[in-house]
Full PDB file with SEQRES, HELIX, SHEET, SSBOND, CRYST1, ORIGX, SCALE, CONECT and MASTER records, all heavy atoms in Angstrom:
SEQRES   1 A   35  ILE VAL ASP VAL CYS GLU GLU LEU THR LYS PHE THR LEU          
SEQRES   2 A   35  MET ILE ARG GLY ARG SER ASP TYR LEU THR ASP ARG TYR          
SEQRES   3 A   35  SER GLU ARG VAL GLU SER ALA GLU GLU                          
HELIX    1 AA1 VAL A    2  ILE A   15  1                                  14    
HELIX    2 AA2 ARG A   16  ARG A   18  5                                   3    
HELIX    3 AA3 SER A   19  LEU A   22  1                                   4    
HELIX    4 AA4 TYR A   26  ARG A   29  1                                   4    
CRYST1    1.000    1.000    1.000  90.00  90.00  90.00 P 1           1          
ORIGX1      1.000000  0.000000  0.000000        0.00000                         
ORIGX2      0.000000  1.000000  0.000000        0.00000                         
ORIGX3      0.000000  0.000000  1.000000        0.00000                         
SCALE1      1.000000  0.000000  0.000000        0.00000                         
SCALE2      0.000000  1.000000  0.000000        0.00000                         
SCALE3      0.000000  0.000000  1.000000        0.00000                         
ATOM      1  N   ILE A   1       0.850  -1.198   0.043  1.00  0.00           N  
ATOM      2  CA  ILE A   1      -0.057   0.072  -0.003  1.00  0.00           C  
ATOM      3  C   ILE A   1       0.874   1.202  -0.003  1.00  0.00           C  
ATOM      4  O   ILE A   1       0.577   2.283  -0.707  1.00  0.00           O  
ATOM      5  CB  ILE A   1      -0.971  -0.055   1.150  1.00  0.00           C  
ATOM      6  CG1 ILE A   1      -2.075  -1.120   0.999  1.00  0.00           C  
ATOM      7  CG2 ILE A   1      -1.625   1.334   1.501  1.00  0.00           C  
ATOM      8  CD1 ILE A   1      -3.007  -1.249   2.077  1.00  0.00           C  
ATOM      9  N   VAL A   2       2.015   1.236   0.755  1.00  0.00           N  
ATOM     10  CA  VAL A   2       2.924   2.309   0.815  1.00  0.00           C  
ATOM     11  C   VAL A   2       3.463   2.531  -0.744  1.00  0.00           C  
ATOM     12  O   VAL A   2       3.549   3.673  -1.241  1.00  0.00           O  
ATOM     13  CB  VAL A   2       4.045   2.054   1.594  1.00  0.00           C  
ATOM     14  CG1 VAL A   2       5.130   3.170   1.679  1.00  0.00           C  
ATOM     15  CG2 VAL A   2       3.556   1.941   3.128  1.00  0.00           C  
ATOM     16  N   ASP A   3       3.870   1.516  -1.348  1.00  0.00           N  
ATOM     17  CA  ASP A   3       4.340   1.551  -2.697  1.00  0.00           C  
ATOM     18  C   ASP A   3       3.371   2.111  -3.640  1.00  0.00           C  
ATOM     19  O   ASP A   3       3.656   3.002  -4.489  1.00  0.00           O  
ATOM     20  CB  ASP A   3       4.771   0.130  -3.179  1.00  0.00           C  
ATOM     21  CG  ASP A   3       5.970  -0.455  -2.468  1.00  0.00           C  
ATOM     22  OD1 ASP A   3       6.619   0.348  -1.761  1.00  0.00           O  
ATOM     23  OD2 ASP A   3       6.181  -1.678  -2.690  1.00  0.00           O  
ATOM     24  N   VAL A   4       2.083   1.737  -3.552  1.00  0.00           N  
ATOM     25  CA  VAL A   4       1.048   2.241  -4.436  1.00  0.00           C  
ATOM     26  C   VAL A   4       0.862   3.683  -4.324  1.00  0.00           C  
ATOM     27  O   VAL A   4       0.761   4.553  -5.157  1.00  0.00           O  
ATOM     28  CB  VAL A   4      -0.263   1.534  -4.193  1.00  0.00           C  
ATOM     29  CG1 VAL A   4      -1.266   2.160  -5.084  1.00  0.00           C  
ATOM     30  CG2 VAL A   4      -0.107   0.004  -4.728  1.00  0.00           C  
ATOM     31  N   CYS A   5       0.831   4.183  -3.022  1.00  0.00           N  
ATOM     32  CA  CYS A   5       0.649   5.576  -2.678  1.00  0.00           C  
ATOM     33  C   CYS A   5       1.875   6.392  -3.232  1.00  0.00           C  
ATOM     34  O   CYS A   5       1.732   7.511  -3.847  1.00  0.00           O  
ATOM     35  CB  CYS A   5       0.511   5.752  -1.250  1.00  0.00           C  
ATOM     36  SG  CYS A   5      -1.073   5.152  -0.616  1.00  0.00           S  
ATOM     37  N   GLU A   6       3.073   5.846  -3.103  1.00  0.00           N  
ATOM     38  CA  GLU A   6       4.281   6.599  -3.601  1.00  0.00           C  
ATOM     39  C   GLU A   6       4.264   6.656  -5.157  1.00  0.00           C  
ATOM     40  O   GLU A   6       4.456   7.666  -5.724  1.00  0.00           O  
ATOM     41  CB  GLU A   6       5.533   5.816  -3.140  1.00  0.00           C  
ATOM     42  CG  GLU A   6       6.818   6.576  -3.536  1.00  0.00           C  
ATOM     43  CD  GLU A   6       8.075   5.855  -2.992  1.00  0.00           C  
ATOM     44  OE1 GLU A   6       7.889   4.624  -2.747  1.00  0.00           O  
ATOM     45  OE2 GLU A   6       9.026   6.527  -2.772  1.00  0.00           O  
ATOM     46  N   GLU A   7       3.853   5.564  -5.830  1.00  0.00           N  
ATOM     47  CA  GLU A   7       3.810   5.476  -7.291  1.00  0.00           C  
ATOM     48  C   GLU A   7       2.803   6.451  -7.758  1.00  0.00           C  
ATOM     49  O   GLU A   7       3.010   7.167  -8.751  1.00  0.00           O  
ATOM     50  CB  GLU A   7       3.621   4.140  -7.741  1.00  0.00           C  
ATOM     51  CG  GLU A   7       3.808   3.923  -9.227  1.00  0.00           C  
ATOM     52  CD  GLU A   7       3.820   2.527  -9.612  1.00  0.00           C  
ATOM     53  OE1 GLU A   7       4.776   1.746  -9.219  1.00  0.00           O  
ATOM     54  OE2 GLU A   7       2.756   2.080 -10.338  1.00  0.00           O  
ATOM     55  N   LEU A   8       1.582   6.452  -7.119  1.00  0.00           N  
ATOM     56  CA  LEU A   8       0.523   7.332  -7.580  1.00  0.00           C  
ATOM     57  C   LEU A   8       0.965   8.882  -7.438  1.00  0.00           C  
ATOM     58  O   LEU A   8       0.608   9.620  -8.340  1.00  0.00           O  
ATOM     59  CB  LEU A   8      -0.808   7.145  -6.735  1.00  0.00           C  
ATOM     60  CG  LEU A   8      -2.004   8.031  -6.975  1.00  0.00           C  
ATOM     61  CD1 LEU A   8      -2.359   7.859  -8.473  1.00  0.00           C  
ATOM     62  CD2 LEU A   8      -3.064   7.745  -5.988  1.00  0.00           C  
ATOM     63  N   THR A   9       1.641   9.113  -6.323  1.00  0.00           N  
ATOM     64  CA  THR A   9       2.087  10.523  -6.255  1.00  0.00           C  
ATOM     65  C   THR A   9       2.994  10.879  -7.284  1.00  0.00           C  
ATOM     66  O   THR A   9       2.933  11.921  -7.988  1.00  0.00           O  
ATOM     67  CB  THR A   9       2.754  10.712  -4.896  1.00  0.00           C  
ATOM     68  OG1 THR A   9       1.811  10.234  -3.782  1.00  0.00           O  
ATOM     69  CG2 THR A   9       3.206  12.211  -4.733  1.00  0.00           C  
ATOM     70  N   LYS A  10       4.046  10.033  -7.626  1.00  0.00           N  
ATOM     71  CA  LYS A  10       4.928  10.227  -8.728  1.00  0.00           C  
ATOM     72  C   LYS A  10       4.340  10.346  -9.994  1.00  0.00           C  
ATOM     73  O   LYS A  10       4.687  11.364 -10.840  1.00  0.00           O  
ATOM     74  CB  LYS A  10       5.997   9.091  -8.750  1.00  0.00           C  
ATOM     75  CG  LYS A  10       6.981   9.038  -7.509  1.00  0.00           C  
ATOM     76  CD  LYS A  10       7.783   7.970  -7.575  1.00  0.00           C  
ATOM     77  CE  LYS A  10       8.907   7.858  -6.461  1.00  0.00           C  
ATOM     78  NZ  LYS A  10       9.726   6.663  -6.479  1.00  0.00           N  
ATOM     79  N   PHE A  11       3.418   9.422 -10.393  1.00  0.00           N  
ATOM     80  CA  PHE A  11       2.769   9.573 -11.715  1.00  0.00           C  
ATOM     81  C   PHE A  11       1.956  10.832 -11.820  1.00  0.00           C  
ATOM     82  O   PHE A  11       1.835  11.378 -12.931  1.00  0.00           O  
ATOM     83  CB  PHE A  11       1.923   8.307 -11.941  1.00  0.00           C  
ATOM     84  CG  PHE A  11       2.754   7.121 -12.586  1.00  0.00           C  
ATOM     85  CD1 PHE A  11       3.540   6.400 -11.990  1.00  0.00           C  
ATOM     86  CD2 PHE A  11       2.506   6.852 -13.909  1.00  0.00           C  
ATOM     87  CE1 PHE A  11       4.324   5.421 -12.470  1.00  0.00           C  
ATOM     88  CE2 PHE A  11       3.096   5.862 -14.609  1.00  0.00           C  
ATOM     89  CZ  PHE A  11       4.087   5.060 -13.830  1.00  0.00           C  
ATOM     90  N   THR A  12       1.283  11.251 -10.838  1.00  0.00           N  
ATOM     91  CA  THR A  12       0.497  12.488 -10.890  1.00  0.00           C  
ATOM     92  C   THR A  12       1.445  13.696 -11.006  1.00  0.00           C  
ATOM     93  O   THR A  12       0.952  14.528 -11.822  1.00  0.00           O  
ATOM     94  CB  THR A  12      -0.274  12.650  -9.460  1.00  0.00           C  
ATOM     95  OG1 THR A  12      -1.093  11.333  -9.241  1.00  0.00           O  
ATOM     96  CG2 THR A  12      -1.321  13.800  -9.591  1.00  0.00           C  
ATOM     97  N   LEU A  13       2.495  13.744 -10.294  1.00  0.00           N  
ATOM     98  CA  LEU A  13       3.385  14.887 -10.506  1.00  0.00           C  
ATOM     99  C   LEU A  13       3.902  14.851 -11.868  1.00  0.00           C  
ATOM    100  O   LEU A  13       4.003  15.942 -12.565  1.00  0.00           O  
ATOM    101  CB  LEU A  13       4.568  14.742  -9.597  1.00  0.00           C  
ATOM    102  CG  LEU A  13       4.305  15.095  -8.101  1.00  0.00           C  
ATOM    103  CD1 LEU A  13       5.385  14.635  -7.084  1.00  0.00           C  
ATOM    104  CD2 LEU A  13       4.073  16.606  -7.904  1.00  0.00           C  
ATOM    105  N   MET A  14       4.131  13.727 -12.581  1.00  0.00           N  
ATOM    106  CA  MET A  14       4.718  13.639 -13.903  1.00  0.00           C  
ATOM    107  C   MET A  14       3.659  14.038 -15.017  1.00  0.00           C  
ATOM    108  O   MET A  14       4.053  14.580 -15.965  1.00  0.00           O  
ATOM    109  CB  MET A  14       5.231  12.213 -14.051  1.00  0.00           C  
ATOM    110  CG  MET A  14       5.950  12.025 -15.463  1.00  0.00           C  
ATOM    111  SD  MET A  14       6.829  10.426 -15.558  1.00  0.00           S  
ATOM    112  CE  MET A  14       5.444   9.244 -15.125  1.00  0.00           C  
ATOM    113  N   ILE A  15       2.395  13.641 -14.794  1.00  0.00           N  
ATOM    114  CA  ILE A  15       1.498  13.735 -15.731  1.00  0.00           C  
ATOM    115  C   ILE A  15       0.536  15.068 -15.758  1.00  0.00           C  
ATOM    116  O   ILE A  15       0.201  15.477 -16.815  1.00  0.00           O  
ATOM    117  CB  ILE A  15       0.587  12.452 -15.770  1.00  0.00           C  
ATOM    118  CG1 ILE A  15       1.309  11.290 -16.244  1.00  0.00           C  
ATOM    119  CG2 ILE A  15      -0.679  12.620 -16.623  1.00  0.00           C  
ATOM    120  CD1 ILE A  15       0.758   9.949 -16.128  1.00  0.00           C  
ATOM    121  N   ARG A  16       0.255  15.547 -14.589  1.00  0.00           N  
ATOM    122  CA  ARG A  16      -0.784  16.594 -14.411  1.00  0.00           C  
ATOM    123  C   ARG A  16      -0.501  17.718 -15.297  1.00  0.00           C  
ATOM    124  O   ARG A  16      -1.390  18.320 -15.832  1.00  0.00           O  
ATOM    125  CB  ARG A  16      -0.981  16.875 -13.005  1.00  0.00           C  
ATOM    126  CG  ARG A  16       0.223  17.552 -12.357  1.00  0.00           C  
ATOM    127  CD  ARG A  16      -0.152  17.959 -10.869  1.00  0.00           C  
ATOM    128  NE  ARG A  16       1.011  18.720 -10.246  1.00  0.00           N  
ATOM    129  CZ  ARG A  16       1.035  19.216  -9.058  1.00  0.00           C  
ATOM    130  NH1 ARG A  16      -0.206  19.321  -8.411  1.00  0.00           N  
ATOM    131  NH2 ARG A  16       2.040  19.779  -8.648  1.00  0.00           N  
ATOM    132  N   GLY A  17       0.758  18.207 -15.377  1.00  0.00           N  
ATOM    133  CA  GLY A  17       0.982  19.303 -16.141  1.00  0.00           C  
ATOM    134  C   GLY A  17       1.141  19.058 -17.601  1.00  0.00           C  
ATOM    135  O   GLY A  17       1.221  20.061 -18.493  1.00  0.00           O  
ATOM    136  N   ARG A  18       1.167  17.856 -18.014  1.00  0.00           N  
ATOM    137  CA  ARG A  18       1.184  17.430 -19.393  1.00  0.00           C  
ATOM    138  C   ARG A  18      -0.097  16.728 -19.895  1.00  0.00           C  
ATOM    139  O   ARG A  18      -0.152  16.253 -21.037  1.00  0.00           O  
ATOM    140  CB  ARG A  18       2.394  16.441 -19.549  1.00  0.00           C  
ATOM    141  CG  ARG A  18       3.728  17.110 -19.096  1.00  0.00           C  
ATOM    142  CD  ARG A  18       4.771  15.988 -19.220  1.00  0.00           C  
ATOM    143  NE  ARG A  18       6.107  16.515 -18.996  1.00  0.00           N  
ATOM    144  CZ  ARG A  18       6.774  16.366 -17.712  1.00  0.00           C  
ATOM    145  NH1 ARG A  18       6.113  15.869 -16.684  1.00  0.00           N  
ATOM    146  NH2 ARG A  18       7.977  16.820 -17.541  1.00  0.00           N  
ATOM    147  N   SER A  19      -0.935  16.809 -19.067  1.00  0.00           N  
ATOM    148  CA  SER A  19      -2.295  15.970 -19.467  1.00  0.00           C  
ATOM    149  C   SER A  19      -2.976  16.439 -20.629  1.00  0.00           C  
ATOM    150  O   SER A  19      -3.319  15.672 -21.543  1.00  0.00           O  
ATOM    151  CB  SER A  19      -3.265  16.039 -18.091  1.00  0.00           C  
ATOM    152  OG  SER A  19      -4.455  15.339 -18.471  1.00  0.00           O  
ATOM    153  N   ASP A  20      -3.056  17.744 -20.842  1.00  0.00           N  
ATOM    154  CA  ASP A  20      -3.799  18.285 -21.989  1.00  0.00           C  
ATOM    155  C   ASP A  20      -3.020  17.803 -23.362  1.00  0.00           C  
ATOM    156  O   ASP A  20      -3.675  17.483 -24.289  1.00  0.00           O  
ATOM    157  CB  ASP A  20      -3.808  19.846 -21.907  1.00  0.00           C  
ATOM    158  CG  ASP A  20      -4.792  20.276 -20.938  1.00  0.00           C  
ATOM    159  OD1 ASP A  20      -5.723  19.476 -20.378  1.00  0.00           O  
ATOM    160  OD2 ASP A  20      -4.840  21.411 -20.549  1.00  0.00           O  
ATOM    161  N   TYR A  21      -1.750  17.883 -23.241  1.00  0.00           N  
ATOM    162  CA  TYR A  21      -0.987  17.440 -24.481  1.00  0.00           C  
ATOM    163  C   TYR A  21      -0.958  15.931 -24.708  1.00  0.00           C  
ATOM    164  O   TYR A  21      -1.194  15.483 -25.852  1.00  0.00           O  
ATOM    165  CB  TYR A  21       0.547  17.987 -24.262  1.00  0.00           C  
ATOM    166  CG  TYR A  21       1.333  17.432 -25.441  1.00  0.00           C  
ATOM    167  CD1 TYR A  21       1.314  18.164 -26.736  1.00  0.00           C  
ATOM    168  CD2 TYR A  21       2.259  16.421 -25.423  1.00  0.00           C  
ATOM    169  CE1 TYR A  21       2.044  17.827 -27.828  1.00  0.00           C  
ATOM    170  CE2 TYR A  21       3.146  16.039 -26.535  1.00  0.00           C  
ATOM    171  CZ  TYR A  21       2.934  16.770 -27.686  1.00  0.00           C  
ATOM    172  OH  TYR A  21       3.603  16.365 -28.795  1.00  0.00           O  
ATOM    173  N   LEU A  22      -0.928  15.214 -23.577  1.00  0.00           N  
ATOM    174  CA  LEU A  22      -0.918  13.758 -23.807  1.00  0.00           C  
ATOM    175  C   LEU A  22      -2.290  13.128 -24.202  1.00  0.00           C  
ATOM    176  O   LEU A  22      -2.384  12.186 -24.888  1.00  0.00           O  
ATOM    177  CB  LEU A  22      -0.647  13.150 -22.429  1.00  0.00           C  
ATOM    178  CG  LEU A  22       0.737  13.226 -21.945  1.00  0.00           C  
ATOM    179  CD1 LEU A  22       0.805  12.760 -20.491  1.00  0.00           C  
ATOM    180  CD2 LEU A  22       1.724  12.407 -22.813  1.00  0.00           C  
ATOM    181  N   THR A  23      -3.374  13.961 -24.012  1.00  0.00           N  
ATOM    182  CA  THR A  23      -4.642  13.532 -24.394  1.00  0.00           C  
ATOM    183  C   THR A  23      -5.252  14.260 -25.577  1.00  0.00           C  
ATOM    184  O   THR A  23      -6.441  14.146 -25.951  1.00  0.00           O  
ATOM    185  CB  THR A  23      -5.650  13.605 -23.218  1.00  0.00           C  
ATOM    186  OG1 THR A  23      -5.797  14.936 -22.796  1.00  0.00           O  
ATOM    187  CG2 THR A  23      -5.312  12.825 -22.010  1.00  0.00           C  
ATOM    188  N   ASP A  24      -4.383  15.068 -26.188  1.00  0.00           N  
ATOM    189  CA  ASP A  24      -4.741  15.735 -27.429  1.00  0.00           C  
ATOM    190  C   ASP A  24      -4.830  14.859 -28.619  1.00  0.00           C  
ATOM    191  O   ASP A  24      -3.813  14.282 -29.008  1.00  0.00           O  
ATOM    192  CB  ASP A  24      -3.762  16.995 -27.709  1.00  0.00           C  
ATOM    193  CG  ASP A  24      -4.147  17.728 -28.925  1.00  0.00           C  
ATOM    194  OD1 ASP A  24      -5.349  17.915 -29.191  1.00  0.00           O  
ATOM    195  OD2 ASP A  24      -3.248  18.208 -29.601  1.00  0.00           O  
ATOM    196  N   ARG A  25      -6.020  14.616 -29.222  1.00  0.00           N  
ATOM    197  CA  ARG A  25      -6.122  13.551 -30.119  1.00  0.00           C  
ATOM    198  C   ARG A  25      -6.621  14.189 -31.550  1.00  0.00           C  
ATOM    199  O   ARG A  25      -7.477  15.207 -31.538  1.00  0.00           O  
ATOM    200  CB  ARG A  25      -7.242  12.444 -29.769  1.00  0.00           C  
ATOM    201  CG  ARG A  25      -6.784  11.787 -28.534  1.00  0.00           C  
ATOM    202  CD  ARG A  25      -7.967  10.848 -28.168  1.00  0.00           C  
ATOM    203  NE  ARG A  25      -7.455   9.950 -27.090  1.00  0.00           N  
ATOM    204  CZ  ARG A  25      -7.524  10.395 -25.741  1.00  0.00           C  
ATOM    205  NH1 ARG A  25      -8.111  11.523 -25.424  1.00  0.00           N  
ATOM    206  NH2 ARG A  25      -7.111   9.515 -24.708  1.00  0.00           N  
ATOM    207  N   TYR A  26      -6.084  13.665 -32.610  1.00  0.00           N  
ATOM    208  CA  TYR A  26      -6.378  14.109 -33.988  1.00  0.00           C  
ATOM    209  C   TYR A  26      -7.903  14.087 -34.262  1.00  0.00           C  
ATOM    210  O   TYR A  26      -8.486  14.923 -34.766  1.00  0.00           O  
ATOM    211  CB  TYR A  26      -5.661  13.350 -35.003  1.00  0.00           C  
ATOM    212  CG  TYR A  26      -6.142  13.645 -36.448  1.00  0.00           C  
ATOM    213  CD1 TYR A  26      -5.802  14.804 -37.131  1.00  0.00           C  
ATOM    214  CD2 TYR A  26      -7.081  12.877 -37.050  1.00  0.00           C  
ATOM    215  CE1 TYR A  26      -6.274  15.034 -38.335  1.00  0.00           C  
ATOM    216  CE2 TYR A  26      -7.605  13.044 -38.281  1.00  0.00           C  
ATOM    217  CZ  TYR A  26      -7.158  14.181 -38.934  1.00  0.00           C  
ATOM    218  OH  TYR A  26      -7.642  14.427 -40.236  1.00  0.00           O  
ATOM    219  N   SER A  27      -8.537  12.927 -33.900  1.00  0.00           N  
ATOM    220  CA  SER A  27     -10.008  12.768 -34.164  1.00  0.00           C  
ATOM    221  C   SER A  27     -10.778  13.875 -33.439  1.00  0.00           C  
ATOM    222  O   SER A  27     -11.965  14.148 -33.961  1.00  0.00           O  
ATOM    223  CB  SER A  27     -10.350  11.323 -33.733  1.00  0.00           C  
ATOM    224  OG  SER A  27     -10.244  11.203 -32.311  1.00  0.00           O  
ATOM    225  N   GLU A  28     -10.410  14.204 -32.323  1.00  0.00           N  
ATOM    226  CA  GLU A  28     -11.155  15.290 -31.640  1.00  0.00           C  
ATOM    227  C   GLU A  28     -10.827  16.649 -32.071  1.00  0.00           C  
ATOM    228  O   GLU A  28     -11.710  17.485 -31.948  1.00  0.00           O  
ATOM    229  CB  GLU A  28     -10.926  14.962 -30.092  1.00  0.00           C  
ATOM    230  CG  GLU A  28     -11.497  13.793 -29.533  1.00  0.00           C  
ATOM    231  CD  GLU A  28     -11.116  13.559 -28.137  1.00  0.00           C  
ATOM    232  OE1 GLU A  28     -10.429  14.332 -27.485  1.00  0.00           O  
ATOM    233  OE2 GLU A  28     -11.575  12.455 -27.590  1.00  0.00           O  
ATOM    234  N   ARG A  29      -9.627  16.870 -32.681  1.00  0.00           N  
ATOM    235  CA  ARG A  29      -9.355  18.220 -33.181  1.00  0.00           C  
ATOM    236  C   ARG A  29     -10.169  18.403 -34.508  1.00  0.00           C  
ATOM    237  O   ARG A  29     -10.430  19.734 -34.799  1.00  0.00           O  
ATOM    238  CB  ARG A  29      -7.839  18.201 -33.522  1.00  0.00           C  
ATOM    239  CG  ARG A  29      -7.045  18.338 -32.304  1.00  0.00           C  
ATOM    240  CD  ARG A  29      -5.528  18.780 -32.584  1.00  0.00           C  
ATOM    241  NE  ARG A  29      -4.834  17.872 -33.623  1.00  0.00           N  
ATOM    242  CZ  ARG A  29      -4.124  16.897 -33.219  1.00  0.00           C  
ATOM    243  NH1 ARG A  29      -3.995  16.561 -31.924  1.00  0.00           N  
ATOM    244  NH2 ARG A  29      -3.449  16.113 -34.180  1.00  0.00           N  
ATOM    245  N   VAL A  30     -10.683  17.481 -35.165  1.00  0.00           N  
ATOM    246  CA  VAL A  30     -11.440  17.801 -36.300  1.00  0.00           C  
ATOM    247  C   VAL A  30     -12.943  17.883 -36.010  1.00  0.00           C  
ATOM    248  O   VAL A  30     -13.735  18.165 -36.786  1.00  0.00           O  
ATOM    249  CB  VAL A  30     -11.289  16.642 -37.297  1.00  0.00           C  
ATOM    250  CG1 VAL A  30      -9.891  16.482 -37.730  1.00  0.00           C  
ATOM    251  CG2 VAL A  30     -11.770  15.316 -36.784  1.00  0.00           C  
ATOM    252  N   GLU A  31     -13.278  17.713 -34.706  1.00  0.00           N  
ATOM    253  CA  GLU A  31     -14.594  17.940 -34.287  1.00  0.00           C  
ATOM    254  C   GLU A  31     -14.728  19.184 -33.419  1.00  0.00           C  
ATOM    255  O   GLU A  31     -13.757  19.484 -32.634  1.00  0.00           O  
ATOM    256  CB  GLU A  31     -15.133  16.806 -33.413  1.00  0.00           C  
ATOM    257  CG  GLU A  31     -15.711  15.621 -34.172  1.00  0.00           C  
ATOM    258  CD  GLU A  31     -16.252  14.530 -33.179  1.00  0.00           C  
ATOM    259  OE1 GLU A  31     -15.529  14.096 -32.416  1.00  0.00           O  
ATOM    260  OE2 GLU A  31     -17.414  14.290 -33.359  1.00  0.00           O  
ATOM    261  N   SER A  32     -15.739  19.999 -33.468  1.00  0.00           N  
ATOM    262  CA  SER A  32     -15.941  21.134 -32.617  1.00  0.00           C  
ATOM    263  C   SER A  32     -16.341  20.654 -31.286  1.00  0.00           C  
ATOM    264  O   SER A  32     -16.845  19.556 -31.086  1.00  0.00           O  
ATOM    265  CB  SER A  32     -16.937  22.099 -33.158  1.00  0.00           C  
ATOM    266  OG  SER A  32     -18.242  21.553 -33.095  1.00  0.00           O  
ATOM    267  N   ALA A  33     -16.251  21.461 -30.287  1.00  0.00           N  
ATOM    268  CA  ALA A  33     -16.654  21.084 -28.917  1.00  0.00           C  
ATOM    269  C   ALA A  33     -18.172  20.896 -28.915  1.00  0.00           C  
ATOM    270  O   ALA A  33     -18.726  19.989 -28.275  1.00  0.00           O  
ATOM    271  CB  ALA A  33     -16.369  22.182 -28.033  1.00  0.00           C  
ATOM    272  N   GLU A  34     -18.835  21.595 -29.740  1.00  0.00           N  
ATOM    273  CA  GLU A  34     -20.301  21.399 -29.739  1.00  0.00           C  
ATOM    274  C   GLU A  34     -20.689  20.097 -30.401  1.00  0.00           C  
ATOM    275  O   GLU A  34     -21.626  19.371 -29.899  1.00  0.00           O  
ATOM    276  CB  GLU A  34     -20.969  22.592 -30.734  1.00  0.00           C  
ATOM    277  CG  GLU A  34     -22.436  22.554 -30.804  1.00  0.00           C  
ATOM    278  CD  GLU A  34     -23.075  23.494 -31.710  1.00  0.00           C  
ATOM    279  OE1 GLU A  34     -22.333  24.462 -32.131  1.00  0.00           O  
ATOM    280  OE2 GLU A  34     -24.320  23.513 -31.887  1.00  0.00           O  
ATOM    281  N   GLU A  35     -19.968  19.655 -31.407  1.00  0.00           N  
ATOM    282  CA  GLU A  35     -20.235  18.398 -31.944  1.00  0.00           C  
ATOM    283  C   GLU A  35     -19.884  17.209 -31.100  1.00  0.00           C  
ATOM    284  O   GLU A  35     -20.705  16.258 -30.901  1.00  0.00           O  
ATOM    285  CB  GLU A  35     -19.389  18.206 -33.299  1.00  0.00           C  
ATOM    286  CG  GLU A  35     -19.830  19.081 -34.439  1.00  0.00           C  
ATOM    287  CD  GLU A  35     -18.839  19.107 -35.518  1.00  0.00           C  
ATOM    288  OE1 GLU A  35     -17.666  18.955 -35.284  1.00  0.00           O  
ATOM    289  OE2 GLU A  35     -19.205  19.391 -36.669  1.00  0.00           O  
TER     290      GLU A  35                                                      
MASTER        0    0    0    4    0    0    0    6  289    1    0    3          
END                                                                             
């Protein structure tokens, strides 16, 4: 459980500032937010 909590913290620090870029997808760029 200690290991999981440590790993979750590390992954969150690594990903949260890059989340928008990591999840930016071509298929969604060709659709508007309304669509």
